[in-house]
Amino acid sequence: MVEIQTIPLEYADILKDPQQVTLFGKEDCLRTRKAKAILEKINLEYVYVDVDALLLSEDQILELNILSGFVEFPKLFIGKICIGGLKELLSAKHKQQFSELLDSNHIVHDKDALINYSECCIF
């Protein structure tokens, strides 16, 4: 995991690389911590952006919400494509799609660990 310490002038520049997985989250958020744990369990290299630590403006948060299509955190992206949040990461249907998207972008991950990851989703 790479953690962004300073936000670029145009923070959306973080999403330019189509082979980069980026997780926007909040460190005190249980869903964010769970998503980070899953990404680490499947041996996926990703960039983590703590939106609270970077003190994003309301306009930047709004733009991020528009890009993702929802307001909750975490928000998981491959390049500029928003995969969703924790619910999507835990959903069997979405896990398969996520794995296929990672494969199509030549992003190394433990496919079996992702597909077989099972946990009660109460979020």
N, C-alpha and C. Protein backbone atom coordinates (compact mmCIF):
# COMPACT_ATOMS: atom_id res chain seq x y z
N MET A 1 0.85 -1.17 0.00
CA MET A 1 0.00 0.00 0.00
C MET A 1 0.89 1.23 0.00
N VAL A 2 0.54 2.18 -0.82
CA VAL A 2 1.18 3.49 -0.84
C VAL A 2 0.16 4.46 -0.28
N GLU A 3 0.58 5.29 0.66
CA GLU A 3 -0.35 6.27 1.21
C GLU A 3 0.03 7.65 0.70
N ILE A 4 -0.94 8.34 0.15
CA ILE A 4 -0.72 9.70 -0.36
C ILE A 4 -0.65 10.64 0.84
N GLN A 5 0.43 11.37 0.96
CA GLN A 5 0.60 12.30 2.08
C GLN A 5 0.18 13.71 1.72
N THR A 6 0.35 14.07 0.47
CA THR A 6 -0.07 15.40 0.03
C THR A 6 -0.89 15.22 -1.24
N ILE A 7 -1.88 16.03 -1.37
CA ILE A 7 -2.78 15.91 -2.51
C ILE A 7 -2.23 16.77 -3.65
N PRO A 8 -2.21 16.26 -4.88
CA PRO A 8 -1.75 17.08 -6.01
C PRO A 8 -2.69 18.28 -6.21
N LEU A 9 -2.22 19.26 -6.96
CA LEU A 9 -3.07 20.43 -7.23
C LEU A 9 -4.42 19.98 -7.75
N GLU A 10 -4.42 19.07 -8.67
CA GLU A 10 -5.65 18.51 -9.19
C GLU A 10 -5.71 17.09 -8.68
N TYR A 11 -6.38 16.88 -7.53
CA TYR A 11 -6.32 15.58 -6.86
C TYR A 11 -6.81 14.45 -7.74
N ALA A 12 -7.67 14.74 -8.71
CA ALA A 12 -8.15 13.68 -9.60
C ALA A 12 -7.03 13.13 -10.47
N ASP A 13 -5.87 13.82 -10.52
CA ASP A 13 -4.72 13.30 -11.26
C ASP A 13 -4.28 11.94 -10.71
N ILE A 14 -4.61 11.68 -9.44
CA ILE A 14 -4.27 10.40 -8.83
C ILE A 14 -4.90 9.26 -9.63
N LEU A 15 -6.03 9.53 -10.27
CA LEU A 15 -6.80 8.48 -10.95
C LEU A 15 -6.43 8.31 -12.43
N LYS A 16 -5.39 8.97 -12.90
CA LYS A 16 -5.06 8.93 -14.32
C LYS A 16 -4.52 7.59 -14.81
N ASP A 17 -3.81 6.88 -13.97
CA ASP A 17 -3.18 5.62 -14.38
C ASP A 17 -4.23 4.51 -14.38
N PRO A 18 -4.55 3.93 -15.56
CA PRO A 18 -5.58 2.89 -15.62
C PRO A 18 -5.18 1.60 -14.93
N GLN A 19 -3.91 1.46 -14.56
CA GLN A 19 -3.46 0.26 -13.87
C GLN A 19 -3.25 0.49 -12.38
N GLN A 20 -3.71 1.62 -11.89
CA GLN A 20 -3.55 1.92 -10.47
C GLN A 20 -4.87 1.74 -9.73
N VAL A 21 -4.80 1.03 -8.63
CA VAL A 21 -5.95 0.85 -7.75
C VAL A 21 -5.83 1.90 -6.65
N THR A 22 -6.90 2.66 -6.44
CA THR A 22 -6.89 3.73 -5.45
C THR A 22 -8.08 3.56 -4.53
N LEU A 23 -7.82 3.65 -3.23
CA LEU A 23 -8.87 3.58 -2.22
C LEU A 23 -8.93 4.91 -1.50
N PHE A 24 -10.05 5.62 -1.65
CA PHE A 24 -10.30 6.84 -0.89
C PHE A 24 -11.09 6.43 0.34
N GLY A 25 -10.63 6.84 1.51
CA GLY A 25 -11.33 6.46 2.72
C GLY A 25 -11.08 7.42 3.87
N LYS A 26 -11.58 7.01 5.01
CA LYS A 26 -11.41 7.78 6.25
C LYS A 26 -10.88 6.81 7.29
N GLU A 27 -9.78 7.19 7.92
CA GLU A 27 -9.08 6.27 8.81
C GLU A 27 -9.94 5.80 9.98
N ASP A 28 -10.87 6.64 10.43
CA ASP A 28 -11.71 6.24 11.56
C ASP A 28 -12.97 5.49 11.12
N CYS A 29 -13.04 5.13 9.86
CA CYS A 29 -14.22 4.45 9.30
C CYS A 29 -14.00 2.94 9.29
N LEU A 30 -14.92 2.21 9.91
CA LEU A 30 -14.82 0.75 9.96
C LEU A 30 -14.82 0.15 8.56
N ARG A 31 -15.66 0.67 7.67
CA ARG A 31 -15.72 0.14 6.30
C ARG A 31 -14.39 0.32 5.58
N THR A 32 -13.77 1.47 5.79
CA THR A 32 -12.47 1.73 5.16
C THR A 32 -11.43 0.75 5.68
N ARG A 33 -11.39 0.55 6.98
CA ARG A 33 -10.41 -0.39 7.56
C ARG A 33 -10.63 -1.80 7.02
N LYS A 34 -11.89 -2.20 6.88
CA LYS A 34 -12.21 -3.53 6.36
C LYS A 34 -11.80 -3.66 4.89
N ALA A 35 -12.06 -2.63 4.09
CA ALA A 35 -11.68 -2.65 2.67
C ALA A 35 -10.16 -2.74 2.54
N LYS A 36 -9.42 -1.99 3.35
CA LYS A 36 -7.96 -2.06 3.32
C LYS A 36 -7.49 -3.47 3.66
N ALA A 37 -8.10 -4.09 4.66
CA ALA A 37 -7.71 -5.44 5.06
C ALA A 37 -7.95 -6.44 3.93
N ILE A 38 -9.07 -6.30 3.22
CA ILE A 38 -9.37 -7.20 2.10
C ILE A 38 -8.34 -7.02 0.98
N LEU A 39 -8.04 -5.77 0.63
CA LEU A 39 -7.07 -5.51 -0.43
C LEU A 39 -5.71 -6.07 -0.07
N GLU A 40 -5.34 -5.97 1.19
CA GLU A 40 -4.06 -6.52 1.62
C GLU A 40 -4.09 -8.04 1.62
N LYS A 41 -5.23 -8.63 1.98
CA LYS A 41 -5.36 -10.09 1.99
C LYS A 41 -5.22 -10.68 0.59
N ILE A 42 -5.66 -9.94 -0.43
CA ILE A 42 -5.56 -10.45 -1.80
C ILE A 42 -4.27 -10.00 -2.48
N ASN A 43 -3.34 -9.46 -1.68
CA ASN A 43 -2.01 -9.05 -2.18
C ASN A 43 -2.10 -8.05 -3.32
N LEU A 44 -2.95 -7.07 -3.16
CA LEU A 44 -3.16 -6.06 -4.20
C LEU A 44 -2.42 -4.79 -3.81
N GLU A 45 -1.56 -4.31 -4.70
CA GLU A 45 -0.90 -3.03 -4.49
C GLU A 45 -1.91 -1.92 -4.78
N TYR A 46 -2.02 -0.98 -3.87
CA TYR A 46 -2.98 0.10 -4.07
C TYR A 46 -2.48 1.38 -3.41
N VAL A 47 -3.06 2.48 -3.83
CA VAL A 47 -2.78 3.78 -3.24
C VAL A 47 -3.93 4.10 -2.30
N TYR A 48 -3.61 4.50 -1.09
CA TYR A 48 -4.64 4.87 -0.11
C TYR A 48 -4.64 6.38 0.07
N VAL A 49 -5.82 6.98 -0.03
CA VAL A 49 -5.98 8.41 0.18
C VAL A 49 -6.93 8.62 1.36
N ASP A 50 -6.40 9.12 2.47
CA ASP A 50 -7.22 9.44 3.65
C ASP A 50 -7.75 10.85 3.46
N VAL A 51 -9.02 10.94 3.12
CA VAL A 51 -9.60 12.25 2.79
C VAL A 51 -9.65 13.19 3.99
N ASP A 52 -9.72 12.67 5.20
CA ASP A 52 -9.71 13.52 6.39
C ASP A 52 -8.32 14.09 6.65
N ALA A 53 -7.30 13.25 6.51
CA ALA A 53 -5.93 13.71 6.78
C ALA A 53 -5.48 14.75 5.76
N LEU A 54 -5.99 14.66 4.55
CA LEU A 54 -5.60 15.61 3.51
C LEU A 54 -6.44 16.87 3.53
N LEU A 55 -7.45 16.89 4.37
CA LEU A 55 -8.32 18.06 4.50
C LEU A 55 -8.85 18.52 3.15
N LEU A 56 -9.46 17.59 2.43
CA LEU A 56 -10.07 17.94 1.14
C LEU A 56 -11.17 18.95 1.36
N SER A 57 -11.31 19.86 0.43
CA SER A 57 -12.36 20.86 0.52
C SER A 57 -13.72 20.21 0.24
N GLU A 58 -14.78 20.91 0.58
CA GLU A 58 -16.12 20.39 0.28
C GLU A 58 -16.30 20.19 -1.21
N ASP A 59 -15.74 21.09 -2.01
CA ASP A 59 -15.84 20.95 -3.47
C ASP A 59 -15.12 19.69 -3.96
N GLN A 60 -13.96 19.40 -3.37
CA GLN A 60 -13.22 18.21 -3.77
C GLN A 60 -13.98 16.94 -3.37
N ILE A 61 -14.56 16.95 -2.18
CA ILE A 61 -15.37 15.79 -1.74
C ILE A 61 -16.57 15.62 -2.66
N LEU A 62 -17.22 16.73 -3.01
CA LEU A 62 -18.37 16.68 -3.92
C LEU A 62 -17.96 16.10 -5.27
N GLU A 63 -16.83 16.54 -5.79
CA GLU A 63 -16.35 16.02 -7.08
C GLU A 63 -16.06 14.52 -6.98
N LEU A 64 -15.46 14.10 -5.88
CA LEU A 64 -15.19 12.68 -5.66
C LEU A 64 -16.49 11.89 -5.58
N ASN A 65 -17.50 12.44 -4.91
CA ASN A 65 -18.81 11.78 -4.83
C ASN A 65 -19.45 11.67 -6.21
N ILE A 66 -19.29 12.70 -7.01
CA ILE A 66 -19.85 12.67 -8.38
C ILE A 66 -19.11 11.62 -9.21
N LEU A 67 -17.78 11.58 -9.10
CA LEU A 67 -17.00 10.59 -9.84
C LEU A 67 -17.40 9.16 -9.48
N SER A 68 -17.64 8.94 -8.19
CA SER A 68 -17.95 7.58 -7.73
C SER A 68 -19.42 7.23 -7.88
N GLY A 69 -20.29 8.24 -7.80
CA GLY A 69 -21.72 7.98 -7.90
C GLY A 69 -22.38 7.71 -6.56
N PHE A 70 -21.64 7.86 -5.46
CA PHE A 70 -22.22 7.66 -4.13
C PHE A 70 -21.43 8.47 -3.11
N VAL A 71 -22.01 8.66 -1.92
CA VAL A 71 -21.39 9.54 -0.92
C VAL A 71 -20.64 8.80 0.18
N GLU A 72 -20.85 7.50 0.34
CA GLU A 72 -20.22 6.76 1.42
C GLU A 72 -18.74 6.52 1.14
N PHE A 73 -18.02 6.23 2.20
CA PHE A 73 -16.63 5.81 2.09
C PHE A 73 -16.54 4.39 2.61
N PRO A 74 -15.62 3.62 2.06
CA PRO A 74 -14.57 3.95 1.11
C PRO A 74 -15.07 3.96 -0.33
N LYS A 75 -14.21 4.47 -1.19
CA LYS A 75 -14.48 4.49 -2.63
C LYS A 75 -13.27 3.84 -3.30
N LEU A 76 -13.50 2.78 -4.04
CA LEU A 76 -12.43 2.02 -4.66
C LEU A 76 -12.44 2.26 -6.17
N PHE A 77 -11.29 2.66 -6.71
CA PHE A 77 -11.16 2.95 -8.14
C PHE A 77 -10.05 2.10 -8.75
N ILE A 78 -10.26 1.73 -10.02
CA ILE A 78 -9.17 1.26 -10.88
C ILE A 78 -9.09 2.32 -11.96
N GLY A 79 -8.00 3.06 -11.98
CA GLY A 79 -7.94 4.22 -12.85
C GLY A 79 -9.08 5.15 -12.47
N LYS A 80 -9.87 5.56 -13.45
CA LYS A 80 -11.01 6.44 -13.18
C LYS A 80 -12.32 5.68 -13.02
N ILE A 81 -12.24 4.35 -13.06
CA ILE A 81 -13.45 3.53 -12.93
C ILE A 81 -13.70 3.23 -11.46
N CYS A 82 -14.85 3.66 -10.97
CA CYS A 82 -15.20 3.39 -9.58
C CYS A 82 -15.79 1.99 -9.48
N ILE A 83 -15.19 1.16 -8.65
CA ILE A 83 -15.67 -0.21 -8.43
C ILE A 83 -16.81 -0.21 -7.43
N GLY A 84 -16.79 0.75 -6.53
CA GLY A 84 -17.82 0.84 -5.49
C GLY A 84 -17.17 0.99 -4.13
N GLY A 85 -17.86 0.47 -3.14
CA GLY A 85 -17.38 0.54 -1.77
C GLY A 85 -17.22 -0.85 -1.19
N LEU A 86 -17.33 -0.94 0.12
CA LEU A 86 -17.14 -2.23 0.78
C LEU A 86 -18.20 -3.24 0.38
N LYS A 87 -19.46 -2.81 0.27
CA LYS A 87 -20.53 -3.76 -0.12
C LYS A 87 -20.20 -4.44 -1.43
N GLU A 88 -19.74 -3.66 -2.39
CA GLU A 88 -19.42 -4.22 -3.71
C GLU A 88 -18.21 -5.15 -3.61
N LEU A 89 -17.25 -4.78 -2.78
CA LEU A 89 -16.06 -5.61 -2.62
C LEU A 89 -16.39 -6.96 -2.00
N LEU A 90 -17.42 -7.01 -1.16
CA LEU A 90 -17.82 -8.25 -0.51
C LEU A 90 -18.82 -9.07 -1.32
N SER A 91 -19.49 -8.47 -2.29
CA SER A 91 -20.51 -9.14 -3.09
C SER A 91 -19.86 -10.13 -4.06
N ALA A 92 -20.39 -11.35 -4.11
CA ALA A 92 -19.84 -12.38 -4.99
C ALA A 92 -19.83 -11.93 -6.44
N LYS A 93 -20.94 -11.34 -6.89
CA LYS A 93 -21.04 -10.88 -8.28
C LYS A 93 -19.98 -9.82 -8.55
N HIS A 94 -19.84 -8.86 -7.65
CA HIS A 94 -18.88 -7.79 -7.85
C HIS A 94 -17.43 -8.27 -7.69
N LYS A 95 -17.20 -9.26 -6.82
CA LYS A 95 -15.84 -9.80 -6.68
C LYS A 95 -15.36 -10.38 -8.00
N GLN A 96 -16.24 -11.11 -8.69
CA GLN A 96 -15.88 -11.69 -9.99
C GLN A 96 -15.58 -10.59 -11.00
N GLN A 97 -16.43 -9.57 -11.05
CA GLN A 97 -16.22 -8.46 -11.98
C GLN A 97 -14.94 -7.70 -11.64
N PHE A 98 -14.70 -7.49 -10.34
CA PHE A 98 -13.50 -6.80 -9.89
C PHE A 98 -12.26 -7.58 -10.32
N SER A 99 -12.28 -8.89 -10.10
CA SER A 99 -11.15 -9.73 -10.49
C SER A 99 -10.91 -9.68 -12.00
N GLU A 100 -11.98 -9.74 -12.78
CA GLU A 100 -11.85 -9.67 -14.23
C GLU A 100 -11.29 -8.32 -14.67
N LEU A 101 -11.71 -7.24 -14.01
CA LEU A 101 -11.21 -5.91 -14.34
C LEU A 101 -9.73 -5.80 -13.98
N LEU A 102 -9.35 -6.35 -12.83
CA LEU A 102 -7.93 -6.37 -12.46
C LEU A 102 -7.13 -7.14 -13.50
N ASP A 103 -7.64 -8.31 -13.90
CA ASP A 103 -6.96 -9.13 -14.90
C ASP A 103 -6.82 -8.38 -16.23
N SER A 104 -7.90 -7.74 -16.67
CA SER A 104 -7.86 -7.05 -17.97
C SER A 104 -6.90 -5.86 -17.96
N ASN A 105 -6.62 -5.32 -16.78
CA ASN A 105 -5.66 -4.22 -16.66
C ASN A 105 -4.28 -4.70 -16.22
N HIS A 106 -4.10 -6.03 -16.21
CA HIS A 106 -2.81 -6.65 -15.87
C HIS A 106 -2.34 -6.22 -14.47
N ILE A 107 -3.27 -6.20 -13.54
CA ILE A 107 -2.96 -5.83 -12.16
C ILE A 107 -2.86 -7.12 -11.34
N VAL A 108 -1.72 -7.33 -10.74
CA VAL A 108 -1.44 -8.55 -10.00
C VAL A 108 -2.27 -8.58 -8.71
N HIS A 109 -2.92 -9.72 -8.49
CA HIS A 109 -3.68 -9.93 -7.26
C HIS A 109 -3.88 -11.43 -7.07
N ASP A 110 -4.26 -11.82 -5.88
CA ASP A 110 -4.54 -13.22 -5.58
C ASP A 110 -6.01 -13.48 -5.89
N LYS A 111 -6.26 -13.96 -7.11
CA LYS A 111 -7.63 -14.15 -7.59
C LYS A 111 -8.41 -15.12 -6.71
N ASP A 112 -7.79 -16.22 -6.33
CA ASP A 112 -8.48 -17.21 -5.49
C ASP A 112 -8.86 -16.61 -4.14
N ALA A 113 -7.94 -15.85 -3.54
CA ALA A 113 -8.24 -15.23 -2.24
C ALA A 113 -9.41 -14.26 -2.36
N LEU A 114 -9.48 -13.53 -3.48
CA LEU A 114 -10.58 -12.59 -3.67
C LEU A 114 -11.90 -13.33 -3.86
N ILE A 115 -11.94 -14.27 -4.78
CA ILE A 115 -13.17 -14.97 -5.10
C ILE A 115 -13.68 -15.77 -3.90
N ASN A 116 -12.75 -16.35 -3.15
CA ASN A 116 -13.14 -17.20 -2.03
C ASN A 116 -13.29 -16.44 -0.71
N TYR A 117 -12.99 -15.15 -0.71
CA TYR A 117 -13.12 -14.37 0.53
C TYR A 117 -14.59 -14.34 0.91
N SER A 118 -14.86 -14.74 2.12
CA SER A 118 -16.25 -14.81 2.57
C SER A 118 -16.36 -14.17 3.94
N GLU A 119 -17.34 -13.32 4.07
CA GLU A 119 -17.59 -12.66 5.34
C GLU A 119 -19.02 -12.17 5.36
N CYS A 120 -19.59 -12.20 6.51
CA CYS A 120 -20.94 -11.66 6.66
C CYS A 120 -20.91 -10.17 6.38
N CYS A 121 -21.75 -9.71 5.49
CA CYS A 121 -21.80 -8.30 5.14
C CYS A 121 -22.97 -7.65 5.85
N ILE A 122 -22.69 -6.83 6.84
CA ILE A 122 -23.75 -6.18 7.60
C ILE A 122 -23.83 -4.69 7.33
N PHE A 123 -23.07 -4.23 6.33
CA PHE A 123 -23.01 -2.79 6.07
C PHE A 123 -24.10 -2.34 5.14
